[in-house]
Amino acid sequence: MGLMRIRFAPTRAALPWLLCLGAPGFSPASAHAFPASTFQVSADLGSHPQEPVVVYLVRHAEKADDGTDDPPLAIAGRIRVQTLKALLADARLTHVHTTDWKRTRDTARPFAEEAGVELAMYDPRELETLATAIKATPGRHLVAGHSNTTPQLVAALGGDAGGEIDDLEYDRLYILVIDPGGSTVTTLLRFGEPYVKGRDFGLRAAPTPRGPRGTSRELR
């Protein structure tokens, strides 16, 4: 299906949409509620044939420019995470996924703590495997990724990524609603400090230099 794009400047303006998209019972084809579940492919998935899966996907927030391959979040990144927390305050997440890097863990951890769930680590080289597992696990998932993995995961989940994410672009929030029949509705929101192509607003870190493919610098 097509990609719906929405920008909300004030955080509260987005809440009605998020309440619709992430609330129990919302689905293009279903009105059943989402149960909480641990992140695993259940052997009795057939007992939940009508439950949709809702997936929130974000790139990690702004990273610090500390000269290492594994920087933590910058101040601007921590501010963005708080903005996202307010935006998803009523999402009632049941699963939180992250790659094993400081910047993604720092982005995802507050949501896992709020939801009372463990961080589920995934390998960014195995996005198809992650997508298959998420689609088979009813609930509401948050996935923290990278600029060059998040669009690919959106596509693997059957959504519309709407193009690549730029090195200085941190404000995308994808919401995918995957119905039991396999079709996916994609909504793209923008939150926090807006991205303007080619501009760095000072609080953002300089992009990490890219090394040869296959190295840790490949993840951005």
N, C-alpha and C. Protein backbone atom coordinates (compact mmCIF):
# COMPACT_ATOMS: atom_id res chain seq x y z
N MET A 1 0.84 -1.19 0.00
CA MET A 1 0.00 0.00 0.00
C MET A 1 0.88 1.24 0.00
N GLY A 2 0.28 2.41 -0.29
CA GLY A 2 1.05 3.62 -0.37
C GLY A 2 1.51 4.11 0.97
N LEU A 3 2.43 5.09 0.92
CA LEU A 3 3.00 5.65 2.13
C LEU A 3 2.26 6.93 2.49
N MET A 4 1.74 6.99 3.72
CA MET A 4 1.10 8.19 4.22
C MET A 4 2.13 9.01 4.98
N ARG A 5 2.33 10.27 4.63
CA ARG A 5 3.32 11.11 5.29
C ARG A 5 2.60 12.17 6.11
N ILE A 6 3.02 12.32 7.36
CA ILE A 6 2.42 13.32 8.24
C ILE A 6 3.53 13.98 9.02
N ARG A 7 3.51 15.31 9.12
CA ARG A 7 4.42 15.99 10.03
C ARG A 7 3.59 16.70 11.08
N PHE A 8 3.96 16.43 12.35
CA PHE A 8 3.34 17.12 13.46
C PHE A 8 4.41 17.95 14.14
N ALA A 9 4.24 19.26 14.18
CA ALA A 9 5.22 20.09 14.86
C ALA A 9 5.08 19.95 16.37
N PRO A 10 3.91 20.35 16.98
CA PRO A 10 3.77 20.11 18.41
C PRO A 10 3.55 18.62 18.63
N THR A 11 4.21 18.09 19.66
CA THR A 11 4.09 16.66 19.95
C THR A 11 2.65 16.26 20.16
N ARG A 12 1.89 17.04 20.93
CA ARG A 12 0.53 16.64 21.27
C ARG A 12 -0.38 16.55 20.06
N ALA A 13 -0.03 17.26 19.01
CA ALA A 13 -0.88 17.20 17.82
C ALA A 13 -0.87 15.83 17.19
N ALA A 14 0.17 15.06 17.44
CA ALA A 14 0.27 13.73 16.84
C ALA A 14 -0.43 12.67 17.64
N LEU A 15 -0.74 12.96 18.90
CA LEU A 15 -1.26 11.91 19.77
C LEU A 15 -2.55 11.27 19.28
N PRO A 16 -3.52 12.02 18.74
CA PRO A 16 -4.72 11.32 18.25
C PRO A 16 -4.41 10.30 17.18
N TRP A 17 -3.48 10.61 16.27
CA TRP A 17 -3.11 9.64 15.23
C TRP A 17 -2.47 8.41 15.84
N LEU A 18 -1.54 8.64 16.78
CA LEU A 18 -0.85 7.51 17.37
C LEU A 18 -1.80 6.66 18.19
N LEU A 19 -2.74 7.30 18.87
CA LEU A 19 -3.72 6.54 19.63
C LEU A 19 -4.54 5.66 18.71
N CYS A 20 -4.84 6.16 17.50
CA CYS A 20 -5.58 5.35 16.53
C CYS A 20 -4.73 4.20 16.02
N LEU A 21 -3.49 4.52 15.63
CA LEU A 21 -2.65 3.52 14.98
C LEU A 21 -2.13 2.47 15.93
N GLY A 22 -1.88 2.86 17.19
CA GLY A 22 -1.28 1.91 18.11
C GLY A 22 -2.22 1.37 19.15
N ALA A 23 -3.46 1.87 19.16
CA ALA A 23 -4.37 1.43 20.21
C ALA A 23 -4.91 0.04 19.95
N PRO A 24 -5.28 -0.67 21.01
CA PRO A 24 -5.87 -2.00 20.82
C PRO A 24 -7.08 -1.91 19.91
N GLY A 25 -7.14 -2.83 18.97
CA GLY A 25 -8.31 -2.90 18.10
C GLY A 25 -8.13 -2.25 16.77
N PHE A 26 -7.08 -1.41 16.61
CA PHE A 26 -6.93 -0.76 15.31
C PHE A 26 -6.29 -1.71 14.32
N SER A 27 -6.89 -1.85 13.17
CA SER A 27 -6.32 -2.63 12.07
C SER A 27 -7.16 -2.35 10.85
N PRO A 28 -6.56 -2.38 9.68
CA PRO A 28 -7.38 -2.20 8.49
C PRO A 28 -8.41 -3.30 8.33
N ALA A 29 -8.18 -4.47 8.92
CA ALA A 29 -9.08 -5.59 8.68
C ALA A 29 -9.55 -6.26 9.96
N SER A 30 -9.23 -5.68 11.12
CA SER A 30 -9.55 -6.41 12.34
C SER A 30 -9.87 -5.45 13.46
N ALA A 31 -10.71 -5.89 14.38
CA ALA A 31 -11.05 -5.07 15.53
C ALA A 31 -10.74 -5.80 16.82
N HIS A 32 -9.86 -6.77 16.78
CA HIS A 32 -9.49 -7.51 17.97
C HIS A 32 -8.39 -6.79 18.72
N ALA A 33 -8.30 -7.00 20.04
CA ALA A 33 -7.28 -6.36 20.86
C ALA A 33 -5.97 -7.10 20.76
N PHE A 34 -4.87 -6.39 21.11
CA PHE A 34 -3.54 -6.98 21.10
C PHE A 34 -3.22 -7.52 22.48
N PRO A 35 -2.78 -8.75 22.64
CA PRO A 35 -2.33 -9.20 23.95
C PRO A 35 -0.85 -8.92 24.11
N ALA A 36 -0.39 -8.77 25.36
CA ALA A 36 1.03 -8.67 25.61
C ALA A 36 1.66 -10.04 25.37
N SER A 37 2.89 -10.04 24.87
CA SER A 37 3.55 -11.31 24.64
C SER A 37 5.05 -11.11 24.66
N THR A 38 5.80 -12.15 24.96
CA THR A 38 7.24 -12.07 24.90
C THR A 38 7.66 -12.21 23.46
N PHE A 39 8.88 -11.73 23.14
CA PHE A 39 9.32 -11.77 21.75
C PHE A 39 9.83 -13.15 21.41
N GLN A 40 8.97 -13.94 20.85
CA GLN A 40 9.33 -15.25 20.33
C GLN A 40 8.24 -15.68 19.38
N VAL A 41 8.59 -16.54 18.46
CA VAL A 41 7.60 -17.06 17.54
C VAL A 41 6.87 -18.18 18.26
N SER A 42 5.62 -17.94 18.59
CA SER A 42 4.86 -18.89 19.40
C SER A 42 4.42 -20.08 18.57
N ALA A 43 4.39 -21.24 19.23
CA ALA A 43 3.96 -22.46 18.55
C ALA A 43 2.46 -22.48 18.34
N ASP A 44 1.72 -21.64 19.08
CA ASP A 44 0.27 -21.67 18.96
C ASP A 44 -0.26 -20.40 18.32
N LEU A 45 0.49 -19.87 17.34
CA LEU A 45 0.05 -18.64 16.67
C LEU A 45 -1.31 -18.82 16.02
N GLY A 46 -1.68 -20.05 15.68
CA GLY A 46 -2.96 -20.27 15.05
C GLY A 46 -4.13 -19.92 15.95
N SER A 47 -3.87 -19.80 17.26
CA SER A 47 -4.95 -19.44 18.17
C SER A 47 -5.22 -17.95 18.17
N HIS A 48 -4.37 -17.15 17.47
CA HIS A 48 -4.56 -15.70 17.39
C HIS A 48 -4.63 -15.27 15.92
N PRO A 49 -5.58 -15.81 15.15
CA PRO A 49 -5.55 -15.58 13.71
C PRO A 49 -5.92 -14.16 13.30
N GLN A 50 -6.56 -13.39 14.18
CA GLN A 50 -7.07 -12.10 13.78
C GLN A 50 -6.31 -10.94 14.40
N GLU A 51 -5.20 -11.18 15.06
CA GLU A 51 -4.51 -10.11 15.75
C GLU A 51 -3.48 -9.43 14.85
N PRO A 52 -3.60 -8.13 14.66
CA PRO A 52 -2.62 -7.41 13.84
C PRO A 52 -1.33 -7.19 14.61
N VAL A 53 -0.31 -6.82 13.90
CA VAL A 53 0.97 -6.45 14.49
C VAL A 53 1.21 -4.97 14.17
N VAL A 54 1.56 -4.18 15.19
CA VAL A 54 1.87 -2.77 14.99
C VAL A 54 3.36 -2.59 15.27
N VAL A 55 4.07 -1.95 14.35
CA VAL A 55 5.52 -1.79 14.48
C VAL A 55 5.87 -0.31 14.33
N TYR A 56 6.55 0.23 15.32
CA TYR A 56 7.09 1.59 15.27
C TYR A 56 8.59 1.47 15.00
N LEU A 57 9.07 2.12 13.95
CA LEU A 57 10.48 2.02 13.59
C LEU A 57 11.12 3.39 13.54
N VAL A 58 12.27 3.52 14.20
CA VAL A 58 13.02 4.77 14.19
C VAL A 58 14.51 4.48 14.00
N ARG A 59 15.18 5.43 13.41
CA ARG A 59 16.64 5.42 13.47
C ARG A 59 17.01 5.86 14.89
N HIS A 60 18.19 5.43 15.37
CA HIS A 60 18.67 5.97 16.64
C HIS A 60 18.69 7.48 16.57
N ALA A 61 18.61 8.14 17.72
CA ALA A 61 18.66 9.60 17.77
C ALA A 61 20.10 10.08 17.54
N GLU A 62 20.28 11.40 17.52
CA GLU A 62 21.58 11.98 17.20
C GLU A 62 22.69 11.39 18.07
N LYS A 63 23.80 11.04 17.45
CA LYS A 63 24.92 10.44 18.16
C LYS A 63 26.00 11.48 18.44
N ALA A 64 26.76 11.25 19.53
CA ALA A 64 27.86 12.15 19.88
C ALA A 64 29.02 11.94 18.92
N ASP A 65 29.78 12.98 18.72
CA ASP A 65 30.96 12.90 17.85
C ASP A 65 32.17 12.75 18.77
N ASP A 66 32.36 11.51 19.29
CA ASP A 66 33.42 11.29 20.27
C ASP A 66 34.65 10.59 19.68
N GLY A 67 34.67 10.44 18.37
CA GLY A 67 35.83 9.87 17.71
C GLY A 67 35.92 8.36 17.76
N THR A 68 34.88 7.70 18.27
CA THR A 68 34.89 6.24 18.35
C THR A 68 33.91 5.65 17.34
N ASP A 69 33.99 4.33 17.15
CA ASP A 69 33.06 3.65 16.26
C ASP A 69 31.71 3.39 16.93
N ASP A 70 31.65 3.57 18.25
CA ASP A 70 30.42 3.24 18.98
C ASP A 70 30.07 4.37 19.94
N PRO A 71 29.69 5.53 19.41
CA PRO A 71 29.40 6.68 20.27
C PRO A 71 28.03 6.55 20.95
N PRO A 72 27.87 7.18 22.12
CA PRO A 72 26.55 7.26 22.75
C PRO A 72 25.74 8.37 22.09
N LEU A 73 24.57 8.63 22.62
CA LEU A 73 23.75 9.72 22.10
C LEU A 73 24.34 11.07 22.50
N ALA A 74 24.20 12.03 21.61
CA ALA A 74 24.53 13.41 21.92
C ALA A 74 23.39 14.03 22.74
N ILE A 75 23.61 15.24 23.25
CA ILE A 75 22.55 15.93 23.99
C ILE A 75 21.31 16.05 23.13
N ALA A 76 21.48 16.41 21.85
CA ALA A 76 20.34 16.53 20.95
C ALA A 76 19.61 15.19 20.82
N GLY A 77 20.36 14.10 20.84
CA GLY A 77 19.75 12.78 20.75
C GLY A 77 18.92 12.45 21.97
N ARG A 78 19.44 12.81 23.15
CA ARG A 78 18.67 12.54 24.38
C ARG A 78 17.39 13.36 24.40
N ILE A 79 17.47 14.58 23.89
CA ILE A 79 16.27 15.41 23.80
C ILE A 79 15.25 14.77 22.84
N ARG A 80 15.74 14.26 21.72
CA ARG A 80 14.84 13.64 20.74
C ARG A 80 14.16 12.40 21.34
N VAL A 81 14.90 11.61 22.10
CA VAL A 81 14.30 10.42 22.73
C VAL A 81 13.17 10.83 23.66
N GLN A 82 13.36 11.91 24.41
CA GLN A 82 12.28 12.36 25.30
C GLN A 82 11.06 12.82 24.51
N THR A 83 11.30 13.46 23.37
CA THR A 83 10.19 13.86 22.50
C THR A 83 9.44 12.63 22.00
N LEU A 84 10.18 11.60 21.61
CA LEU A 84 9.55 10.38 21.13
C LEU A 84 8.79 9.67 22.25
N LYS A 85 9.33 9.71 23.47
CA LYS A 85 8.63 9.10 24.61
C LYS A 85 7.28 9.76 24.82
N ALA A 86 7.24 11.08 24.71
CA ALA A 86 5.95 11.78 24.86
C ALA A 86 5.00 11.39 23.74
N LEU A 87 5.52 11.25 22.55
CA LEU A 87 4.70 10.92 21.39
C LEU A 87 4.09 9.52 21.52
N LEU A 88 4.87 8.58 22.09
CA LEU A 88 4.42 7.19 22.20
C LEU A 88 3.94 6.83 23.61
N ALA A 89 3.60 7.84 24.38
CA ALA A 89 3.23 7.60 25.78
C ALA A 89 2.08 6.62 25.92
N ASP A 90 1.16 6.60 24.97
CA ASP A 90 -0.01 5.73 25.06
C ASP A 90 0.04 4.56 24.08
N ALA A 91 1.21 4.27 23.55
CA ALA A 91 1.33 3.19 22.56
C ALA A 91 1.24 1.80 23.19
N ARG A 92 1.54 1.68 24.48
CA ARG A 92 1.50 0.40 25.19
C ARG A 92 2.33 -0.67 24.46
N LEU A 93 3.61 -0.40 24.36
CA LEU A 93 4.52 -1.31 23.67
C LEU A 93 4.61 -2.65 24.40
N THR A 94 4.76 -3.70 23.63
CA THR A 94 4.93 -5.03 24.20
C THR A 94 6.30 -5.63 23.88
N HIS A 95 7.01 -5.07 22.90
CA HIS A 95 8.34 -5.56 22.52
C HIS A 95 9.20 -4.38 22.10
N VAL A 96 10.48 -4.39 22.49
CA VAL A 96 11.41 -3.32 22.11
C VAL A 96 12.68 -3.99 21.58
N HIS A 97 13.04 -3.66 20.34
CA HIS A 97 14.17 -4.29 19.65
C HIS A 97 15.25 -3.25 19.36
N THR A 98 16.50 -3.66 19.45
CA THR A 98 17.61 -2.75 19.16
C THR A 98 18.82 -3.53 18.69
N THR A 99 19.67 -2.86 17.90
CA THR A 99 20.97 -3.44 17.62
C THR A 99 21.86 -3.20 18.84
N ASP A 100 22.98 -3.90 18.90
CA ASP A 100 23.83 -3.84 20.08
C ASP A 100 24.90 -2.75 19.94
N TRP A 101 24.43 -1.50 19.79
CA TRP A 101 25.31 -0.35 19.72
C TRP A 101 24.82 0.68 20.73
N LYS A 102 25.72 1.48 21.28
CA LYS A 102 25.33 2.42 22.33
C LYS A 102 24.19 3.32 21.89
N ARG A 103 24.30 3.86 20.67
CA ARG A 103 23.33 4.85 20.22
C ARG A 103 21.94 4.26 20.05
N THR A 104 21.86 2.99 19.61
CA THR A 104 20.54 2.37 19.48
C THR A 104 20.02 1.89 20.83
N ARG A 105 20.91 1.36 21.67
CA ARG A 105 20.47 0.95 23.01
C ARG A 105 19.99 2.16 23.80
N ASP A 106 20.72 3.29 23.70
CA ASP A 106 20.32 4.51 24.40
C ASP A 106 18.96 5.01 23.92
N THR A 107 18.69 4.80 22.64
CA THR A 107 17.40 5.22 22.08
C THR A 107 16.28 4.32 22.55
N ALA A 108 16.52 3.02 22.59
CA ALA A 108 15.45 2.05 22.89
C ALA A 108 15.22 1.81 24.37
N ARG A 109 16.28 1.93 25.19
CA ARG A 109 16.18 1.52 26.59
C ARG A 109 15.05 2.20 27.37
N PRO A 110 14.84 3.53 27.24
CA PRO A 110 13.76 4.16 28.01
C PRO A 110 12.39 3.56 27.71
N PHE A 111 12.18 3.09 26.50
CA PHE A 111 10.90 2.50 26.13
C PHE A 111 10.74 1.11 26.73
N ALA A 112 11.84 0.35 26.76
CA ALA A 112 11.78 -0.97 27.38
C ALA A 112 11.53 -0.84 28.88
N GLU A 113 12.20 0.13 29.51
CA GLU A 113 12.00 0.33 30.95
C GLU A 113 10.56 0.75 31.24
N GLU A 114 10.03 1.65 30.43
CA GLU A 114 8.64 2.10 30.62
C GLU A 114 7.66 0.97 30.43
N ALA A 115 7.92 0.09 29.46
CA ALA A 115 7.01 -1.01 29.16
C ALA A 115 7.23 -2.21 30.08
N GLY A 116 8.36 -2.22 30.80
CA GLY A 116 8.65 -3.34 31.68
C GLY A 116 9.05 -4.60 30.92
N VAL A 117 9.75 -4.42 29.79
CA VAL A 117 10.20 -5.56 28.99
C VAL A 117 11.71 -5.49 28.80
N GLU A 118 12.31 -6.61 28.44
CA GLU A 118 13.74 -6.65 28.17
C GLU A 118 14.01 -6.14 26.75
N LEU A 119 15.18 -5.52 26.58
CA LEU A 119 15.60 -5.16 25.23
C LEU A 119 15.90 -6.44 24.45
N ALA A 120 15.34 -6.55 23.27
CA ALA A 120 15.60 -7.70 22.40
C ALA A 120 16.63 -7.28 21.35
N MET A 121 17.82 -7.85 21.42
CA MET A 121 18.89 -7.50 20.49
C MET A 121 18.69 -8.23 19.16
N TYR A 122 18.96 -7.54 18.07
CA TYR A 122 18.89 -8.19 16.76
C TYR A 122 20.14 -7.85 15.95
N ASP A 123 20.43 -8.70 15.01
CA ASP A 123 21.59 -8.54 14.13
C ASP A 123 21.16 -7.73 12.91
N PRO A 124 21.74 -6.55 12.69
CA PRO A 124 21.33 -5.73 11.54
C PRO A 124 21.63 -6.37 10.19
N ARG A 125 22.41 -7.45 10.20
CA ARG A 125 22.69 -8.17 8.96
C ARG A 125 21.61 -9.21 8.67
N GLU A 126 20.68 -9.40 9.61
CA GLU A 126 19.65 -10.43 9.49
C GLU A 126 18.25 -9.81 9.56
N LEU A 127 18.02 -8.79 8.74
CA LEU A 127 16.75 -8.07 8.81
C LEU A 127 15.56 -8.91 8.37
N GLU A 128 15.76 -9.78 7.40
CA GLU A 128 14.66 -10.65 6.96
C GLU A 128 14.24 -11.59 8.09
N THR A 129 15.21 -12.09 8.85
CA THR A 129 14.91 -12.96 9.97
C THR A 129 14.11 -12.21 11.03
N LEU A 130 14.54 -10.98 11.33
CA LEU A 130 13.81 -10.16 12.30
C LEU A 130 12.40 -9.87 11.82
N ALA A 131 12.26 -9.50 10.55
CA ALA A 131 10.93 -9.19 10.00
C ALA A 131 10.00 -10.39 10.11
N THR A 132 10.49 -11.57 9.80
CA THR A 132 9.67 -12.78 9.89
C THR A 132 9.20 -13.01 11.32
N ALA A 133 10.11 -12.84 12.27
CA ALA A 133 9.76 -13.05 13.67
C ALA A 133 8.74 -12.02 14.16
N ILE A 134 8.93 -10.74 13.77
CA ILE A 134 7.99 -9.70 14.20
C ILE A 134 6.60 -9.95 13.63
N LYS A 135 6.53 -10.29 12.35
CA LYS A 135 5.23 -10.53 11.72
C LYS A 135 4.49 -11.70 12.36
N ALA A 136 5.24 -12.62 12.95
CA ALA A 136 4.63 -13.80 13.58
C ALA A 136 4.33 -13.58 15.07
N THR A 137 4.60 -12.36 15.58
CA THR A 137 4.44 -12.09 17.02
C THR A 137 3.47 -10.93 17.23
N PRO A 138 2.19 -11.21 17.48
CA PRO A 138 1.22 -10.13 17.70
C PRO A 138 1.65 -9.21 18.84
N GLY A 139 1.34 -7.95 18.72
CA GLY A 139 1.68 -6.98 19.74
C GLY A 139 2.08 -5.67 19.12
N ARG A 140 2.75 -4.84 19.91
CA ARG A 140 3.18 -3.51 19.48
C ARG A 140 4.69 -3.42 19.70
N HIS A 141 5.42 -3.35 18.61
CA HIS A 141 6.87 -3.42 18.62
C HIS A 141 7.49 -2.06 18.33
N LEU A 142 8.54 -1.72 19.08
CA LEU A 142 9.39 -0.58 18.74
C LEU A 142 10.73 -1.14 18.29
N VAL A 143 11.23 -0.66 17.14
CA VAL A 143 12.52 -1.10 16.63
C VAL A 143 13.42 0.12 16.45
N ALA A 144 14.56 0.13 17.14
CA ALA A 144 15.57 1.16 16.96
C ALA A 144 16.65 0.62 16.04
N GLY A 145 16.90 1.35 14.96
CA GLY A 145 17.88 0.88 13.98
C GLY A 145 18.79 1.99 13.53
N HIS A 146 19.22 1.92 12.28
CA HIS A 146 20.20 2.83 11.72
C HIS A 146 19.65 3.42 10.42
N SER A 147 20.30 4.47 9.91
CA SER A 147 19.80 5.11 8.71
C SER A 147 19.81 4.17 7.52
N ASN A 148 20.75 3.21 7.51
CA ASN A 148 20.84 2.29 6.39
C ASN A 148 20.34 0.89 6.72
N THR A 149 19.57 0.76 7.82
CA THR A 149 18.87 -0.51 8.08
C THR A 149 17.37 -0.30 8.25
N THR A 150 16.97 0.86 8.76
CA THR A 150 15.54 1.08 9.03
C THR A 150 14.69 1.03 7.77
N PRO A 151 15.05 1.71 6.68
CA PRO A 151 14.22 1.59 5.47
C PRO A 151 14.16 0.16 4.94
N GLN A 152 15.27 -0.57 5.05
CA GLN A 152 15.27 -1.96 4.59
C GLN A 152 14.35 -2.83 5.43
N LEU A 153 14.31 -2.58 6.73
CA LEU A 153 13.42 -3.36 7.59
C LEU A 153 11.96 -3.01 7.31
N VAL A 154 11.68 -1.73 7.07
CA VAL A 154 10.31 -1.34 6.68
C VAL A 154 9.89 -2.13 5.45
N ALA A 155 10.76 -2.21 4.45
CA ALA A 155 10.44 -2.95 3.23
C ALA A 155 10.27 -4.44 3.52
N ALA A 156 11.13 -5.00 4.37
CA ALA A 156 11.03 -6.43 4.70
C ALA A 156 9.73 -6.76 5.41
N LEU A 157 9.16 -5.77 6.11
CA LEU A 157 7.89 -5.96 6.79
C LEU A 157 6.69 -5.70 5.88
N GLY A 158 6.96 -5.39 4.62
CA GLY A 158 5.89 -5.15 3.66
C GLY A 158 5.46 -3.71 3.56
N GLY A 159 6.22 -2.79 4.19
CA GLY A 159 5.85 -1.38 4.18
C GLY A 159 6.55 -0.60 3.09
N ASP A 160 6.26 0.69 3.05
CA ASP A 160 6.82 1.61 2.06
C ASP A 160 7.79 2.55 2.79
N ALA A 161 9.09 2.40 2.54
CA ALA A 161 10.10 3.18 3.26
C ALA A 161 10.19 4.63 2.81
N GLY A 162 9.74 4.91 1.59
CA GLY A 162 9.75 6.28 1.11
C GLY A 162 11.14 6.84 0.84
N GLY A 163 12.11 6.02 0.53
CA GLY A 163 13.45 6.50 0.20
C GLY A 163 14.44 6.32 1.32
N GLU A 164 15.72 6.57 1.00
CA GLU A 164 16.79 6.40 1.96
C GLU A 164 16.76 7.51 3.01
N ILE A 165 17.40 7.24 4.16
CA ILE A 165 17.52 8.22 5.24
C ILE A 165 18.90 8.87 5.13
N ASP A 166 18.93 10.20 5.14
CA ASP A 166 20.18 10.93 5.02
C ASP A 166 20.98 10.84 6.31
N ASP A 167 22.29 11.08 6.23
CA ASP A 167 23.16 10.99 7.40
C ASP A 167 22.70 11.90 8.54
N LEU A 168 22.16 13.07 8.23
CA LEU A 168 21.74 14.02 9.26
C LEU A 168 20.23 14.00 9.50
N GLU A 169 19.56 12.97 9.05
CA GLU A 169 18.10 12.88 9.17
C GLU A 169 17.73 11.93 10.32
N TYR A 170 17.14 12.49 11.37
CA TYR A 170 16.82 11.71 12.56
C TYR A 170 15.34 11.76 12.93
N ASP A 171 14.52 12.41 12.14
CA ASP A 171 13.16 12.71 12.61
C ASP A 171 12.08 11.81 12.04
N ARG A 172 12.44 10.69 11.39
CA ARG A 172 11.41 9.80 10.86
C ARG A 172 10.89 8.84 11.93
N LEU A 173 9.59 8.65 11.94
CA LEU A 173 8.95 7.61 12.73
C LEU A 173 7.98 6.88 11.81
N TYR A 174 8.29 5.63 11.51
CA TYR A 174 7.39 4.80 10.71
C TYR A 174 6.44 4.06 11.64
N ILE A 175 5.18 3.99 11.23
CA ILE A 175 4.22 3.15 11.94
C ILE A 175 3.63 2.19 10.91
N LEU A 176 3.87 0.91 11.11
CA LEU A 176 3.35 -0.12 10.22
C LEU A 176 2.27 -0.90 10.95
N VAL A 177 1.14 -1.09 10.30
CA VAL A 177 0.08 -1.95 10.82
C VAL A 177 -0.05 -3.11 9.85
N ILE A 178 0.30 -4.30 10.33
CA ILE A 178 0.31 -5.51 9.51
C ILE A 178 -0.89 -6.35 9.89
N ASP A 179 -1.83 -6.49 8.97
CA ASP A 179 -3.05 -7.23 9.31
C ASP A 179 -2.82 -8.73 9.14
N PRO A 180 -3.73 -9.55 9.66
CA PRO A 180 -3.53 -11.01 9.62
C PRO A 180 -3.38 -11.57 8.21
N GLY A 181 -3.93 -10.87 7.23
CA GLY A 181 -3.81 -11.35 5.86
C GLY A 181 -2.47 -11.03 5.23
N GLY A 182 -1.64 -10.24 5.92
CA GLY A 182 -0.31 -9.94 5.43
C GLY A 182 -0.14 -8.57 4.81
N SER A 183 -1.23 -7.84 4.54
CA SER A 183 -1.08 -6.50 3.97
C SER A 183 -0.63 -5.52 5.05
N THR A 184 0.10 -4.50 4.63
CA THR A 184 0.71 -3.56 5.57
C THR A 184 0.32 -2.13 5.21
N VAL A 185 -0.12 -1.39 6.21
CA VAL A 185 -0.39 0.04 6.05
C VAL A 185 0.79 0.80 6.66
N THR A 186 1.38 1.72 5.90
CA THR A 186 2.54 2.48 6.35
C THR A 186 2.17 3.93 6.58
N THR A 187 2.52 4.46 7.75
CA THR A 187 2.39 5.89 8.02
C THR A 187 3.76 6.41 8.42
N LEU A 188 4.19 7.50 7.82
CA LEU A 188 5.46 8.13 8.17
C LEU A 188 5.19 9.46 8.86
N LEU A 189 5.61 9.57 10.13
CA LEU A 189 5.50 10.81 10.88
C LEU A 189 6.88 11.45 10.98
N ARG A 190 6.89 12.75 11.27
CA ARG A 190 8.13 13.47 11.56
C ARG A 190 7.99 14.07 12.96
N PHE A 191 9.05 13.95 13.77
CA PHE A 191 8.94 14.43 15.14
C PHE A 191 10.23 15.12 15.56
N GLY A 192 10.10 16.02 16.53
CA GLY A 192 11.27 16.70 17.08
C GLY A 192 11.87 17.71 16.12
N GLU A 193 13.16 18.02 16.32
CA GLU A 193 13.87 18.97 15.46
C GLU A 193 13.78 18.49 14.02
N PRO A 194 13.24 19.32 13.11
CA PRO A 194 13.01 18.84 11.74
C PRO A 194 14.28 18.72 10.93
N TYR A 195 14.25 17.77 10.03
CA TYR A 195 15.36 17.59 9.10
C TYR A 195 15.20 18.53 7.92
N VAL A 196 16.29 19.24 7.60
CA VAL A 196 16.36 20.07 6.41
C VAL A 196 17.61 19.64 5.65
N LYS A 197 17.44 19.15 4.44
CA LYS A 197 18.55 18.58 3.69
C LYS A 197 19.73 19.53 3.61
N GLY A 198 20.90 19.00 3.95
CA GLY A 198 22.12 19.77 3.83
C GLY A 198 22.41 20.71 4.98
N ARG A 199 21.55 20.74 6.00
CA ARG A 199 21.74 21.68 7.10
C ARG A 199 21.98 20.93 8.40
N ASP A 200 22.93 21.42 9.19
CA ASP A 200 23.21 20.89 10.51
C ASP A 200 22.87 22.00 11.50
N PHE A 201 22.02 21.69 12.48
CA PHE A 201 21.52 22.72 13.38
C PHE A 201 22.39 22.92 14.62
N GLY A 202 23.62 22.40 14.61
CA GLY A 202 24.54 22.68 15.71
C GLY A 202 24.54 21.62 16.79
N LEU A 203 23.36 21.22 17.27
CA LEU A 203 23.31 20.18 18.28
C LEU A 203 23.51 18.81 17.68
N ARG A 204 23.40 18.72 16.38
CA ARG A 204 23.58 17.42 15.73
C ARG A 204 25.06 17.12 15.55
N ALA A 205 25.41 15.86 15.70
CA ALA A 205 26.81 15.46 15.53
C ALA A 205 27.14 15.38 14.05
N ALA A 206 28.42 15.59 13.75
CA ALA A 206 28.87 15.41 12.37
C ALA A 206 28.72 13.95 12.00
N PRO A 207 28.40 13.65 10.74
CA PRO A 207 28.25 12.24 10.33
C PRO A 207 29.55 11.48 10.52
N THR A 208 29.42 10.23 10.98
CA THR A 208 30.60 9.37 11.16
C THR A 208 31.17 9.01 9.82
N PRO A 209 32.51 9.13 9.62
CA PRO A 209 33.10 8.74 8.33
C PRO A 209 32.79 7.29 8.00
N ARG A 210 32.52 7.01 6.76
CA ARG A 210 32.18 5.66 6.35
C ARG A 210 33.45 4.88 6.01
N GLY A 211 33.60 3.71 6.60
CA GLY A 211 34.72 2.84 6.29
C GLY A 211 34.30 1.86 5.21
N PRO A 212 35.16 0.87 4.92
CA PRO A 212 34.82 -0.14 3.92
C PRO A 212 33.57 -0.90 4.33
N ARG A 213 32.80 -1.36 3.37
CA ARG A 213 31.59 -2.13 3.67
C ARG A 213 31.96 -3.37 4.46
N GLY A 214 31.10 -3.69 5.41
CA GLY A 214 31.35 -4.86 6.24
C GLY A 214 32.00 -4.49 7.57
N THR A 215 32.41 -3.23 7.78
CA THR A 215 32.99 -2.82 9.04
C THR A 215 31.91 -2.18 9.90
N SER A 216 32.27 -1.90 11.16
CA SER A 216 31.29 -1.32 12.08
C SER A 216 30.84 0.06 11.63
N ARG A 217 31.65 0.76 10.84
CA ARG A 217 31.28 2.09 10.37
C ARG A 217 30.18 2.04 9.32
N GLU A 218 29.85 0.86 8.84
CA GLU A 218 28.80 0.76 7.83
C GLU A 218 27.45 1.13 8.41
N LEU A 219 27.24 0.90 9.70
CA LEU A 219 25.98 1.25 10.35
C LEU A 219 26.01 2.72 10.74
N ARG A 220 24.97 3.46 10.36
CA ARG A 220 24.98 4.90 10.59
C ARG A 220 23.77 5.32 11.40
